[in-house]
Amino acid sequence: MPLAAISYDIRPGHDREIGEIFAAFRRVDESEVPGAPGTRLLSTTLFQRGTVMVRVIEYEGDLEAIARHIAQQPGVREVERRLAPYLSAPRDTGTVDGFVETFRRSLLPVISRLSTQD
């Protein structure tokens, strides 16, 4: 399955607050992306240390459709709103288009992926 990683630049000293934000996270309403056959969100995982947080997304299908789907989810919108004070640089995630552009800019390039499936 494809993976995508998105970075967040976090202000130092807010690990507890960020943990609390994600402890209350509401999953997406639907893993299947409407209007994008064969596209679905399989899982997300968060990693944080110090000033870096990375969200890893496992998905099938079209990554841009995944980003648009995620952007419309109430739980994601709430997390983005609550995270804003702890970010070292503002993220334009208040609209679907702003979220998708921020998603695109925040993607980490894949350097290597090794799998026992190959």
PDB file of N, CA and C in Angstrom:
ATOM      1  N   MET A   1       0.825  -1.179   0.000  1.00  0.00           N
ATOM      2  CA  MET A   1       0.000   0.000   0.000  1.00  0.00           C
ATOM      3  C   MET A   1       0.873   1.247   0.000  1.00  0.00           C
ATOM      4  N   PRO A   2       0.481   2.261  -0.723  1.00  0.00           N
ATOM      5  CA  PRO A   2       1.246   3.506  -0.717  1.00  0.00           C
ATOM      6  C   PRO A   2       1.170   4.202   0.645  1.00  0.00           C
ATOM      7  N   LEU A   3       2.230   4.931   0.937  1.00  0.00           N
ATOM      8  CA  LEU A   3       2.306   5.739   2.150  1.00  0.00           C
ATOM      9  C   LEU A   3       2.656   7.168   1.760  1.00  0.00           C
ATOM     10  N   ALA A   4       2.138   8.108   2.521  1.00  0.00           N
ATOM     11  CA  ALA A   4       2.517   9.511   2.363  1.00  0.00           C
ATOM     12  C   ALA A   4       2.828  10.035   3.758  1.00  0.00           C
ATOM     13  N   ALA A   5       3.825  10.910   3.875  1.00  0.00           N
ATOM     14  CA  ALA A   5       4.186  11.506   5.160  1.00  0.00           C
ATOM     15  C   ALA A   5       4.105  13.017   5.043  1.00  0.00           C
ATOM     16  N   ILE A   6       3.463  13.627   6.022  1.00  0.00           N
ATOM     17  CA  ILE A   6       3.269  15.074   6.051  1.00  0.00           C
ATOM     18  C   ILE A   6       3.930  15.610   7.314  1.00  0.00           C
ATOM     19  N   SER A   7       4.701  16.670   7.157  1.00  0.00           N
ATOM     20  CA  SER A   7       5.405  17.241   8.312  1.00  0.00           C
ATOM     21  C   SER A   7       4.670  18.446   8.878  1.00  0.00           C
ATOM     22  N   TYR A   8       4.819  18.635  10.174  1.00  0.00           N
ATOM     23  CA  TYR A   8       4.319  19.798  10.891  1.00  0.00           C
ATOM     24  C   TYR A   8       5.492  20.358  11.684  1.00  0.00           C
ATOM     25  N   ASP A   9       5.693  21.658  11.648  1.00  0.00           N
ATOM     26  CA  ASP A   9       6.722  22.304  12.458  1.00  0.00           C
ATOM     27  C   ASP A   9       6.053  22.836  13.720  1.00  0.00           C
ATOM     28  N   ILE A  10       6.432  22.262  14.852  1.00  0.00           N
ATOM     29  CA  ILE A  10       5.794  22.541  16.128  1.00  0.00           C
ATOM     30  C   ILE A  10       6.684  23.443  16.976  1.00  0.00           C
ATOM     31  N   ARG A  11       6.062  24.374  17.678  1.00  0.00           N
ATOM     32  CA  ARG A  11       6.821  25.190  18.633  1.00  0.00           C
ATOM     33  C   ARG A  11       7.263  24.280  19.781  1.00  0.00           C
ATOM     34  N   PRO A  12       8.473  24.473  20.294  1.00  0.00           N
ATOM     35  CA  PRO A  12       8.977  23.588  21.356  1.00  0.00           C
ATOM     36  C   PRO A  12       8.181  23.727  22.650  1.00  0.00           C
ATOM     37  N   GLY A  13       8.144  22.622  23.406  1.00  0.00           N
ATOM     38  CA  GLY A  13       7.572  22.642  24.740  1.00  0.00           C
ATOM     39  C   GLY A  13       6.080  22.415  24.823  1.00  0.00           C
ATOM     40  N   HIS A  14       5.461  21.852  23.777  1.00  0.00           N
ATOM     41  CA  HIS A  14       4.009  21.674  23.787  1.00  0.00           C
ATOM     42  C   HIS A  14       3.589  20.228  23.545  1.00  0.00           C
ATOM     43  N   ASP A  15       4.438  19.288  23.905  1.00  0.00           N
ATOM     44  CA  ASP A  15       4.128  17.872  23.676  1.00  0.00           C
ATOM     45  C   ASP A  15       2.825  17.458  24.355  1.00  0.00           C
ATOM     46  N   ARG A  16       2.617  17.885  25.590  1.00  0.00           N
ATOM     47  CA  ARG A  16       1.417  17.501  26.337  1.00  0.00           C
ATOM     48  C   ARG A  16       0.163  18.023  25.639  1.00  0.00           C
ATOM     49  N   GLU A  17       0.173  19.290  25.249  1.00  0.00           N
ATOM     50  CA  GLU A  17      -0.997  19.885  24.603  1.00  0.00           C
ATOM     51  C   GLU A  17      -1.319  19.193  23.278  1.00  0.00           C
ATOM     52  N   ILE A  18      -0.293  18.891  22.532  1.00  0.00           N
ATOM     53  CA  ILE A  18      -0.500  18.229  21.237  1.00  0.00           C
ATOM     54  C   ILE A  18      -1.030  16.818  21.454  1.00  0.00           C
ATOM     55  N   GLY A  19      -0.509  16.132  22.455  1.00  0.00           N
ATOM     56  CA  GLY A  19      -1.029  14.811  22.805  1.00  0.00           C
ATOM     57  C   GLY A  19      -2.506  14.858  23.159  1.00  0.00           C
ATOM     58  N   GLU A  20      -2.912  15.886  23.899  1.00  0.00           N
ATOM     59  CA  GLU A  20      -4.315  16.047  24.278  1.00  0.00           C
ATOM     60  C   GLU A  20      -5.195  16.298  23.049  1.00  0.00           C
ATOM     61  N   ILE A  21      -4.698  17.087  22.113  1.00  0.00           N
ATOM     62  CA  ILE A  21      -5.458  17.365  20.887  1.00  0.00           C
ATOM     63  C   ILE A  21      -5.737  16.064  20.144  1.00  0.00           C
ATOM     64  N   PHE A  22      -4.718  15.237  19.991  1.00  0.00           N
ATOM     65  CA  PHE A  22      -4.902  14.014  19.218  1.00  0.00           C
ATOM     66  C   PHE A  22      -5.601  12.911  20.005  1.00  0.00           C
ATOM     67  N   ALA A  23      -5.587  12.988  21.334  1.00  0.00           N
ATOM     68  CA  ALA A  23      -6.318  12.011  22.144  1.00  0.00           C
ATOM     69  C   ALA A  23      -7.819  12.125  21.896  1.00  0.00           C
ATOM     70  N   ALA A  24      -8.280  13.321  21.539  1.00  0.00           N
ATOM     71  CA  ALA A  24      -9.701  13.557  21.302  1.00  0.00           C
ATOM     72  C   ALA A  24     -10.055  13.515  19.809  1.00  0.00           C
ATOM     73  N   PHE A  25      -9.137  13.078  18.963  1.00  0.00           N
ATOM     74  CA  PHE A  25      -9.348  13.091  17.516  1.00  0.00           C
ATOM     75  C   PHE A  25     -10.514  12.198  17.103  1.00  0.00           C
ATOM     76  N   ARG A  26     -11.343  12.698  16.185  1.00  0.00           N
ATOM     77  CA  ARG A  26     -12.429  11.912  15.602  1.00  0.00           C
ATOM     78  C   ARG A  26     -11.997  11.428  14.221  1.00  0.00           C
ATOM     79  N   ARG A  27     -12.085  10.122  14.029  1.00  0.00           N
ATOM     80  CA  ARG A  27     -11.711   9.537  12.734  1.00  0.00           C
ATOM     81  C   ARG A  27     -12.571  10.094  11.609  1.00  0.00           C
ATOM     82  N   VAL A  28     -12.091   9.906  10.375  1.00  0.00           N
ATOM     83  CA  VAL A  28     -12.874  10.324   9.213  1.00  0.00           C
ATOM     84  C   VAL A  28     -14.193   9.562   9.197  1.00  0.00           C
ATOM     85  N   ASP A  29     -15.223  10.196   8.650  1.00  0.00           N
ATOM     86  CA  ASP A  29     -16.551   9.581   8.611  1.00  0.00           C
ATOM     87  C   ASP A  29     -16.571   8.324   7.752  1.00  0.00           C
ATOM     88  N   GLU A  30     -15.821   8.365   6.682  1.00  0.00           N
ATOM     89  CA  GLU A  30     -15.875   7.301   5.684  1.00  0.00           C
ATOM     90  C   GLU A  30     -14.467   7.087   5.131  1.00  0.00           C
ATOM     91  N   SER A  31     -13.987   5.844   5.104  1.00  0.00           N
ATOM     92  CA  SER A  31     -12.655   5.603   4.554  1.00  0.00           C
ATOM     93  C   SER A  31     -12.654   5.648   3.024  1.00  0.00           C
ATOM     94  N   GLU A  32     -13.769   5.236   2.408  1.00  0.00           N
ATOM     95  CA  GLU A  32     -13.899   5.310   0.955  1.00  0.00           C
ATOM     96  C   GLU A  32     -14.091   6.769   0.553  1.00  0.00           C
ATOM     97  N   VAL A  33     -13.391   7.203  -0.472  1.00  0.00           N
ATOM     98  CA  VAL A  33     -13.506   8.590  -0.916  1.00  0.00           C
ATOM     99  C   VAL A  33     -14.605   8.680  -1.968  1.00  0.00           C
ATOM    100  N   PRO A  34     -15.682   9.402  -1.658  1.00  0.00           N
ATOM    101  CA  PRO A  34     -16.782   9.530  -2.623  1.00  0.00           C
ATOM    102  C   PRO A  34     -16.301  10.168  -3.931  1.00  0.00           C
ATOM    103  N   GLY A  35     -16.740   9.604  -5.039  1.00  0.00           N
ATOM    104  CA  GLY A  35     -16.400  10.157  -6.342  1.00  0.00           C
ATOM    105  C   GLY A  35     -15.009   9.792  -6.841  1.00  0.00           C
ATOM    106  N   ALA A  36     -14.286   8.975  -6.088  1.00  0.00           N
ATOM    107  CA  ALA A  36     -12.941   8.550  -6.496  1.00  0.00           C
ATOM    108  C   ALA A  36     -12.848   7.032  -6.342  1.00  0.00           C
ATOM    109  N   PRO A  37     -13.337   6.295  -7.334  1.00  0.00           N
ATOM    110  CA  PRO A  37     -13.352   4.834  -7.241  1.00  0.00           C
ATOM    111  C   PRO A  37     -11.956   4.268  -6.948  1.00  0.00           C
ATOM    112  N   GLY A  38     -11.917   3.306  -6.034  1.00  0.00           N
ATOM    113  CA  GLY A  38     -10.653   2.663  -5.692  1.00  0.00           C
ATOM    114  C   GLY A  38      -9.765   3.485  -4.778  1.00  0.00           C
ATOM    115  N   THR A  39     -10.282   4.593  -4.265  1.00  0.00           N
ATOM    116  CA  THR A  39      -9.493   5.455  -3.389  1.00  0.00           C
ATOM    117  C   THR A  39     -10.063   5.381  -1.984  1.00  0.00           C
ATOM    118  N   ARG A  40      -9.196   5.017  -1.044  1.00  0.00           N
ATOM    119  CA  ARG A  40      -9.638   4.968   0.348  1.00  0.00           C
ATOM    120  C   ARG A  40      -8.472   5.187   1.299  1.00  0.00           C
ATOM    121  N   LEU A  41      -8.804   5.721   2.433  1.00  0.00           N
ATOM    122  CA  LEU A  41      -7.846   5.973   3.508  1.00  0.00           C
ATOM    123  C   LEU A  41      -7.805   4.729   4.377  1.00  0.00           C
ATOM    124  N   LEU A  42      -6.623   4.140   4.534  1.00  0.00           N
ATOM    125  CA  LEU A  42      -6.496   2.910   5.310  1.00  0.00           C
ATOM    126  C   LEU A  42      -6.109   3.171   6.763  1.00  0.00           C
ATOM    127  N   SER A  43      -5.142   4.079   6.969  1.00  0.00           N
ATOM    128  CA  SER A  43      -4.722   4.384   8.339  1.00  0.00           C
ATOM    129  C   SER A  43      -3.914   5.675   8.363  1.00  0.00           C
ATOM    130  N   THR A  44      -3.854   6.259   9.541  1.00  0.00           N
ATOM    131  CA  THR A  44      -2.942   7.381   9.771  1.00  0.00           C
ATOM    132  C   THR A  44      -2.226   7.121  11.087  1.00  0.00           C
ATOM    133  N   THR A  45      -0.974   7.538  11.141  1.00  0.00           N
ATOM    134  CA  THR A  45      -0.153   7.386  12.330  1.00  0.00           C
ATOM    135  C   THR A  45       0.612   8.680  12.531  1.00  0.00           C
ATOM    136  N   LEU A  46       0.715   9.105  13.775  1.00  0.00           N
ATOM    137  CA  LEU A  46       1.448  10.337  14.100  1.00  0.00           C
ATOM    138  C   LEU A  46       2.698  10.014  14.893  1.00  0.00           C
ATOM    139  N   PHE A  47       3.758  10.761  14.570  1.00  0.00           N
ATOM    140  CA  PHE A  47       5.014  10.676  15.307  1.00  0.00           C
ATOM    141  C   PHE A  47       5.402  12.097  15.699  1.00  0.00           C
ATOM    142  N   GLN A  48       5.928  12.254  16.899  1.00  0.00           N
ATOM    143  CA  GLN A  48       6.392  13.584  17.306  1.00  0.00           C
ATOM    144  C   GLN A  48       7.597  13.447  18.211  1.00  0.00           C
ATOM    145  N   ARG A  49       8.542  14.341  17.983  1.00  0.00           N
ATOM    146  CA  ARG A  49       9.663  14.527  18.896  1.00  0.00           C
ATOM    147  C   ARG A  49      10.108  15.967  18.751  1.00  0.00           C
ATOM    148  N   GLY A  50      10.141  16.656  19.874  1.00  0.00           N
ATOM    149  CA  GLY A  50      10.597  18.037  19.866  1.00  0.00           C
ATOM    150  C   GLY A  50       9.738  18.903  18.973  1.00  0.00           C
ATOM    151  N   THR A  51      10.364  19.500  17.987  1.00  0.00           N
ATOM    152  CA  THR A  51       9.659  20.460  17.133  1.00  0.00           C
ATOM    153  C   THR A  51       9.166  19.855  15.818  1.00  0.00           C
ATOM    154  N   VAL A  52       9.238  18.541  15.694  1.00  0.00           N
ATOM    155  CA  VAL A  52       8.816  17.895  14.454  1.00  0.00           C
ATOM    156  C   VAL A  52       7.700  16.897  14.738  1.00  0.00           C
ATOM    157  N   MET A  53       6.641  17.001  13.964  1.00  0.00           N
ATOM    158  CA  MET A  53       5.580  16.012  13.995  1.00  0.00           C
ATOM    159  C   MET A  53       5.376  15.548  12.559  1.00  0.00           C
ATOM    160  N   VAL A  54       5.172  14.252  12.393  1.00  0.00           N
ATOM    161  CA  VAL A  54       4.951  13.676  11.070  1.00  0.00           C
ATOM    162  C   VAL A  54       3.706  12.808  11.130  1.00  0.00           C
ATOM    163  N   ARG A  55       2.828  13.011  10.159  1.00  0.00           N
ATOM    164  CA  ARG A  55       1.635  12.179  10.003  1.00  0.00           C
ATOM    165  C   ARG A  55       1.886  11.276   8.802  1.00  0.00           C
ATOM    166  N   VAL A  56       1.798   9.966   9.016  1.00  0.00           N
ATOM    167  CA  VAL A  56       1.971   8.994   7.942  1.00  0.00           C
ATOM    168  C   VAL A  56       0.592   8.462   7.579  1.00  0.00           C
ATOM    169  N   ILE A  57       0.299   8.511   6.304  1.00  0.00           N
ATOM    170  CA  ILE A  57      -1.006   8.100   5.794  1.00  0.00           C
ATOM    171  C   ILE A  57      -0.817   6.886   4.890  1.00  0.00           C
ATOM    172  N   GLU A  58      -1.543   5.834   5.177  1.00  0.00           N
ATOM    173  CA  GLU A  58      -1.569   4.660   4.315  1.00  0.00           C
ATOM    174  C   GLU A  58      -2.875   4.729   3.532  1.00  0.00           C
ATOM    175  N   TYR A  59      -2.792   4.574   2.227  1.00  0.00           N
ATOM    176  CA  TYR A  59      -3.971   4.789   1.389  1.00  0.00           C
ATOM    177  C   TYR A  59      -3.919   3.922   0.143  1.00  0.00           C
ATOM    178  N   GLU A  60      -5.018   3.910  -0.565  1.00  0.00           N
ATOM    179  CA  GLU A  60      -5.102   3.312  -1.896  1.00  0.00           C
ATOM    180  C   GLU A  60      -5.682   4.363  -2.825  1.00  0.00           C
ATOM    181  N   GLY A  61      -5.208   4.422  -4.046  1.00  0.00           N
ATOM    182  CA  GLY A  61      -5.804   5.310  -5.041  1.00  0.00           C
ATOM    183  C   GLY A  61      -5.113   6.646  -5.172  1.00  0.00           C
ATOM    184  N   ASP A  62      -5.917   7.689  -5.327  1.00  0.00           N
ATOM    185  CA  ASP A  62      -5.465   9.029  -5.680  1.00  0.00           C
ATOM    186  C   ASP A  62      -5.183   9.861  -4.421  1.00  0.00           C
ATOM    187  N   LEU A  63      -3.929  10.233  -4.209  1.00  0.00           N
ATOM    188  CA  LEU A  63      -3.544  10.972  -3.013  1.00  0.00           C
ATOM    189  C   LEU A  63      -4.208  12.342  -2.936  1.00  0.00           C
ATOM    190  N   GLU A  64      -4.362  13.028  -4.062  1.00  0.00           N
ATOM    191  CA  GLU A  64      -5.034  14.339  -4.028  1.00  0.00           C
ATOM    192  C   GLU A  64      -6.490  14.186  -3.604  1.00  0.00           C
ATOM    193  N   ALA A  65      -7.165  13.137  -4.071  1.00  0.00           N
ATOM    194  CA  ALA A  65      -8.551  12.884  -3.643  1.00  0.00           C
ATOM    195  C   ALA A  65      -8.594  12.583  -2.147  1.00  0.00           C
ATOM    196  N   ILE A  66      -7.590  11.884  -1.646  1.00  0.00           N
ATOM    197  CA  ILE A  66      -7.487  11.619  -0.200  1.00  0.00           C
ATOM    198  C   ILE A  66      -7.367  12.945   0.543  1.00  0.00           C
ATOM    199  N   ALA A  67      -6.494  13.841   0.081  1.00  0.00           N
ATOM    200  CA  ALA A  67      -6.301  15.137   0.745  1.00  0.00           C
ATOM    201  C   ALA A  67      -7.606  15.927   0.757  1.00  0.00           C
ATOM    202  N   ARG A  68      -8.327  15.946  -0.351  1.00  0.00           N
ATOM    203  CA  ARG A  68      -9.610  16.673  -0.411  1.00  0.00           C
ATOM    204  C   ARG A  68     -10.633  16.052   0.548  1.00  0.00           C
ATOM    205  N   HIS A  69     -10.634  14.743   0.618  1.00  0.00           N
ATOM    206  CA  HIS A  69     -11.546  14.033   1.518  1.00  0.00           C
ATOM    207  C   HIS A  69     -11.217  14.371   2.982  1.00  0.00           C
ATOM    208  N   ILE A  70      -9.940  14.293   3.328  1.00  0.00           N
ATOM    209  CA  ILE A  70      -9.505  14.597   4.690  1.00  0.00           C
ATOM    210  C   ILE A  70      -9.860  16.039   5.047  1.00  0.00           C
ATOM    211  N   ALA A  71      -9.669  16.951   4.113  1.00  0.00           N
ATOM    212  CA  ALA A  71      -9.902  18.378   4.359  1.00  0.00           C
ATOM    213  C   ALA A  71     -11.338  18.681   4.765  1.00  0.00           C
ATOM    214  N   GLN A  72     -12.257  17.826   4.381  1.00  0.00           N
ATOM    215  CA  GLN A  72     -13.674  18.066   4.649  1.00  0.00           C
ATOM    216  C   GLN A  72     -14.167  17.399   5.932  1.00  0.00           C
ATOM    217  N   GLN A  73     -13.298  16.646   6.576  1.00  0.00           N
ATOM    218  CA  GLN A  73     -13.717  15.909   7.761  1.00  0.00           C
ATOM    219  C   GLN A  73     -13.751  16.801   8.999  1.00  0.00           C
ATOM    220  N   PRO A  74     -14.853  16.779   9.762  1.00  0.00           N
ATOM    221  CA  PRO A  74     -14.969  17.630  10.948  1.00  0.00           C
ATOM    222  C   PRO A  74     -13.836  17.414  11.961  1.00  0.00           C
ATOM    223  N   GLY A  75     -13.445  16.160  12.182  1.00  0.00           N
ATOM    224  CA  GLY A  75     -12.374  15.890  13.140  1.00  0.00           C
ATOM    225  C   GLY A  75     -11.044  16.495  12.712  1.00  0.00           C
ATOM    226  N   VAL A  76     -10.748  16.426  11.439  1.00  0.00           N
ATOM    227  CA  VAL A  76      -9.498  16.996  10.905  1.00  0.00           C
ATOM    228  C   VAL A  76      -9.540  18.514  11.003  1.00  0.00           C
ATOM    229  N   ARG A  77     -10.656  19.093  10.663  1.00  0.00           N
ATOM    230  CA  ARG A  77     -10.799  20.561  10.741  1.00  0.00           C
ATOM    231  C   ARG A  77     -10.610  21.030  12.191  1.00  0.00           C
ATOM    232  N   GLU A  78     -11.164  20.268  13.150  1.00  0.00           N
ATOM    233  CA  GLU A  78     -11.027  20.611  14.562  1.00  0.00           C
ATOM    234  C   GLU A  78      -9.566  20.502  15.015  1.00  0.00           C
ATOM    235  N   VAL A  79      -8.887  19.430  14.608  1.00  0.00           N
ATOM    236  CA  VAL A  79      -7.470  19.269  14.969  1.00  0.00           C
ATOM    237  C   VAL A  79      -6.640  20.410  14.397  1.00  0.00           C
ATOM    238  N   GLU A  80      -6.860  20.746  13.134  1.00  0.00           N
ATOM    239  CA  GLU A  80      -6.094  21.837  12.519  1.00  0.00           C
ATOM    240  C   GLU A  80      -6.331  23.153  13.267  1.00  0.00           C
ATOM    241  N   ARG A  81      -7.573  23.401  13.650  1.00  0.00           N
ATOM    242  CA  ARG A  81      -7.894  24.626  14.399  1.00  0.00           C
ATOM    243  C   ARG A  81      -7.190  24.629  15.761  1.00  0.00           C
ATOM    244  N   ARG A  82      -7.232  23.499  16.459  1.00  0.00           N
ATOM    245  CA  ARG A  82      -6.626  23.423  17.792  1.00  0.00           C
ATOM    246  C   ARG A  82      -5.097  23.407  17.743  1.00  0.00           C
ATOM    247  N   LEU A  83      -4.527  22.894  16.662  1.00  0.00           N
ATOM    248  CA  LEU A  83      -3.058  22.856  16.518  1.00  0.00           C
ATOM    249  C   LEU A  83      -2.457  24.230  16.223  1.00  0.00           C
ATOM    250  N   ALA A  84      -3.220  25.091  15.604  1.00  0.00           N
ATOM    251  CA  ALA A  84      -2.707  26.376  15.109  1.00  0.00           C
ATOM    252  C   ALA A  84      -1.836  27.140  16.110  1.00  0.00           C
ATOM    253  N   PRO A  85      -2.211  27.258  17.383  1.00  0.00           N
ATOM    254  CA  PRO A  85      -1.373  28.027  18.309  1.00  0.00           C
ATOM    255  C   PRO A  85      -0.007  27.382  18.599  1.00  0.00           C
ATOM    256  N   TYR A  86       0.141  26.105  18.295  1.00  0.00           N
ATOM    257  CA  TYR A  86       1.377  25.381  18.611  1.00  0.00           C
ATOM    258  C   TYR A  86       2.301  25.204  17.410  1.00  0.00           C
ATOM    259  N   LEU A  87       1.903  25.728  16.271  1.00  0.00           N
ATOM    260  CA  LEU A  87       2.720  25.610  15.063  1.00  0.00           C
ATOM    261  C   LEU A  87       3.711  26.760  14.984  1.00  0.00           C
ATOM    262  N   SER A  88       4.909  26.473  14.514  1.00  0.00           N
ATOM    263  CA  SER A  88       5.905  27.538  14.377  1.00  0.00           C
ATOM    264  C   SER A  88       5.670  28.374  13.126  1.00  0.00           C
ATOM    265  N   ALA A  89       4.903  27.855  12.186  1.00  0.00           N
ATOM    266  CA  ALA A  89       4.527  28.607  10.980  1.00  0.00           C
ATOM    267  C   ALA A  89       3.054  28.332  10.707  1.00  0.00           C
ATOM    268  N   PRO A  90       2.275  29.363  10.391  1.00  0.00           N
ATOM    269  CA  PRO A  90       0.846  29.140  10.143  1.00  0.00           C
ATOM    270  C   PRO A  90       0.606  28.241   8.931  1.00  0.00           C
ATOM    271  N   ARG A  91      -0.484  27.491   8.990  1.00  0.00           N
ATOM    272  CA  ARG A  91      -0.905  26.610   7.892  1.00  0.00           C
ATOM    273  C   ARG A  91      -2.267  27.088   7.431  1.00  0.00           C
ATOM    274  N   ASP A  92      -2.451  27.243   6.133  1.00  0.00           N
ATOM    275  CA  ASP A  92      -3.730  27.683   5.575  1.00  0.00           C
ATOM    276  C   ASP A  92      -4.609  26.458   5.353  1.00  0.00           C
ATOM    277  N   THR A  93      -5.325  26.045   6.390  1.00  0.00           N
ATOM    278  CA  THR A  93      -6.144  24.842   6.278  1.00  0.00           C
ATOM    279  C   THR A  93      -7.625  25.131   6.507  1.00  0.00           C
ATOM    280  N   GLY A  94      -8.016  26.389   6.467  1.00  0.00           N
ATOM    281  CA  GLY A  94      -9.398  26.776   6.716  1.00  0.00           C
ATOM    282  C   GLY A  94     -10.352  26.477   5.579  1.00  0.00           C
ATOM    283  N   THR A  95      -9.824  26.259   4.383  1.00  0.00           N
ATOM    284  CA  THR A  95     -10.652  25.896   3.227  1.00  0.00           C
ATOM    285  C   THR A  95     -10.114  24.601   2.642  1.00  0.00           C
ATOM    286  N   VAL A  96     -10.921  23.941   1.854  1.00  0.00           N
ATOM    287  CA  VAL A  96     -10.465  22.697   1.217  1.00  0.00           C
ATOM    288  C   VAL A  96      -9.250  22.972   0.332  1.00  0.00           C
ATOM    289  N   ASP A  97      -9.310  24.016  -0.505  1.00  0.00           N
ATOM    290  CA  ASP A  97      -8.179  24.316  -1.389  1.00  0.00           C
ATOM    291  C   ASP A  97      -6.929  24.684  -0.597  1.00  0.00           C
ATOM    292  N   GLY A  98      -7.087  25.461   0.472  1.00  0.00           N
ATOM    293  CA  GLY A  98      -5.951  25.804   1.323  1.00  0.00           C
ATOM    294  C   GLY A  98      -5.368  24.576   1.991  1.00  0.00           C
ATOM    295  N   PHE A  99      -6.228  23.678   2.458  1.00  0.00           N
ATOM    296  CA  PHE A  99      -5.768  22.441   3.082  1.00  0.00           C
ATOM    297  C   PHE A  99      -4.980  21.603   2.085  1.00  0.00           C
ATOM    298  N   VAL A 100      -5.537  21.431   0.880  1.00  0.00           N
ATOM    299  CA  VAL A 100      -4.875  20.596  -0.135  1.00  0.00           C
ATOM    300  C   VAL A 100      -3.511  21.189  -0.503  1.00  0.00           C
ATOM    301  N   GLU A 101      -3.419  22.498  -0.648  1.00  0.00           N
ATOM    302  CA  GLU A 101      -2.134  23.127  -0.973  1.00  0.00           C
ATOM    303  C   GLU A 101      -1.147  22.956   0.182  1.00  0.00           C
ATOM    304  N   THR A 102      -1.608  23.126   1.410  1.00  0.00           N
ATOM    305  CA  THR A 102      -0.739  22.922   2.577  1.00  0.00           C
ATOM    306  C   THR A 102      -0.296  21.470   2.649  1.00  0.00           C
ATOM    307  N   PHE A 103      -1.205  20.543   2.382  1.00  0.00           N
ATOM    308  CA  PHE A 103      -0.911  19.111   2.348  1.00  0.00           C
ATOM    309  C   PHE A 103       0.210  18.846   1.340  1.00  0.00           C
ATOM    310  N   ARG A 104       0.056  19.407   0.144  1.00  0.00           N
ATOM    311  CA  ARG A 104       1.044  19.231  -0.926  1.00  0.00           C
ATOM    312  C   ARG A 104       2.425  19.752  -0.508  1.00  0.00           C
ATOM    313  N   ARG A 105       2.456  20.958   0.071  1.00  0.00           N
ATOM    314  CA  ARG A 105       3.727  21.565   0.494  1.00  0.00           C
ATOM    315  C   ARG A 105       4.375  20.825   1.661  1.00  0.00           C
ATOM    316  N   SER A 106       3.549  20.162   2.483  1.00  0.00           N
ATOM    317  CA  SER A 106       4.045  19.487   3.677  1.00  0.00           C
ATOM    318  C   SER A 106       4.474  18.048   3.421  1.00  0.00           C
ATOM    319  N   LEU A 107       4.208  17.527   2.231  1.00  0.00           N
ATOM    320  CA  LEU A 107       4.591  16.145   1.921  1.00  0.00           C
ATOM    321  C   LEU A 107       6.106  15.973   1.972  1.00  0.00           C
ATOM    322  N   LEU A 108       6.530  14.934   2.624  1.00  0.00           N
ATOM    323  CA  LEU A 108       7.948  14.596   2.649  1.00  0.00           C
ATOM    324  C   LEU A 108       8.234  13.685   1.464  1.00  0.00           C
ATOM    325  N   PRO A 109       9.319  13.936   0.749  1.00  0.00           N
ATOM    326  CA  PRO A 109       9.632  13.068  -0.389  1.00  0.00           C
ATOM    327  C   PRO A 109      10.053  11.674   0.086  1.00  0.00           C
ATOM    328  N   VAL A 110       9.630  10.678  -0.641  1.00  0.00           N
ATOM    329  CA  VAL A 110      10.036   9.305  -0.336  1.00  0.00           C
ATOM    330  C   VAL A 110      11.474   9.133  -0.796  1.00  0.00           C
ATOM    331  N   ILE A 111      12.317   8.714   0.103  1.00  0.00           N
ATOM    332  CA  ILE A 111      13.722   8.479  -0.234  1.00  0.00           C
ATOM    333  C   ILE A 111      13.935   7.008  -0.548  1.00  0.00           C
ATOM    334  N   SER A 112      13.286   6.164   0.229  1.00  0.00           N
ATOM    335  CA  SER A 112      13.443   4.725   0.027  1.00  0.00           C
ATOM    336  C   SER A 112      12.267   4.011   0.672  1.00  0.00           C
ATOM    337  N   ARG A 113      11.849   2.923   0.062  1.00  0.00           N
ATOM    338  CA  ARG A 113      10.847   2.063   0.677  1.00  0.00           C
ATOM    339  C   ARG A 113      11.181   0.644   0.302  1.00  0.00           C
ATOM    340  N   LEU A 114      11.452  -0.147   1.322  1.00  0.00           N
ATOM    341  CA  LEU A 114      11.772  -1.539   1.116  1.00  0.00           C
ATOM    342  C   LEU A 114      10.611  -2.369   1.631  1.00  0.00           C
ATOM    343  N   SER A 115      10.252  -3.392   0.895  1.00  0.00           N
ATOM    344  CA  SER A 115       9.111  -4.206   1.265  1.00  0.00           C
ATOM    345  C   SER A 115       9.434  -5.666   1.040  1.00  0.00           C
ATOM    346  N   THR A 116       8.917  -6.499   1.893  1.00  0.00           N
ATOM    347  CA  THR A 116       9.073  -7.941   1.680  1.00  0.00           C
ATOM    348  C   THR A 116       8.115  -8.442   0.620  1.00  0.00           C
ATOM    349  N   GLN A 117       7.209  -7.575   0.168  1.00  0.00           N
ATOM    350  CA  GLN A 117       6.218  -7.945  -0.848  1.00  0.00           C
ATOM    351  C   GLN A 117       6.788  -7.878  -2.261  1.00  0.00           C
ATOM    352  N   ASP A 118       7.925  -7.219  -2.448  1.00  0.00           N
ATOM    353  CA  ASP A 118       8.511  -7.058  -3.791  1.00  0.00           C
ATOM    354  C   ASP A 118       9.278  -8.272  -4.240  1.00  0.00           C
TER     355      ASP A 118
END
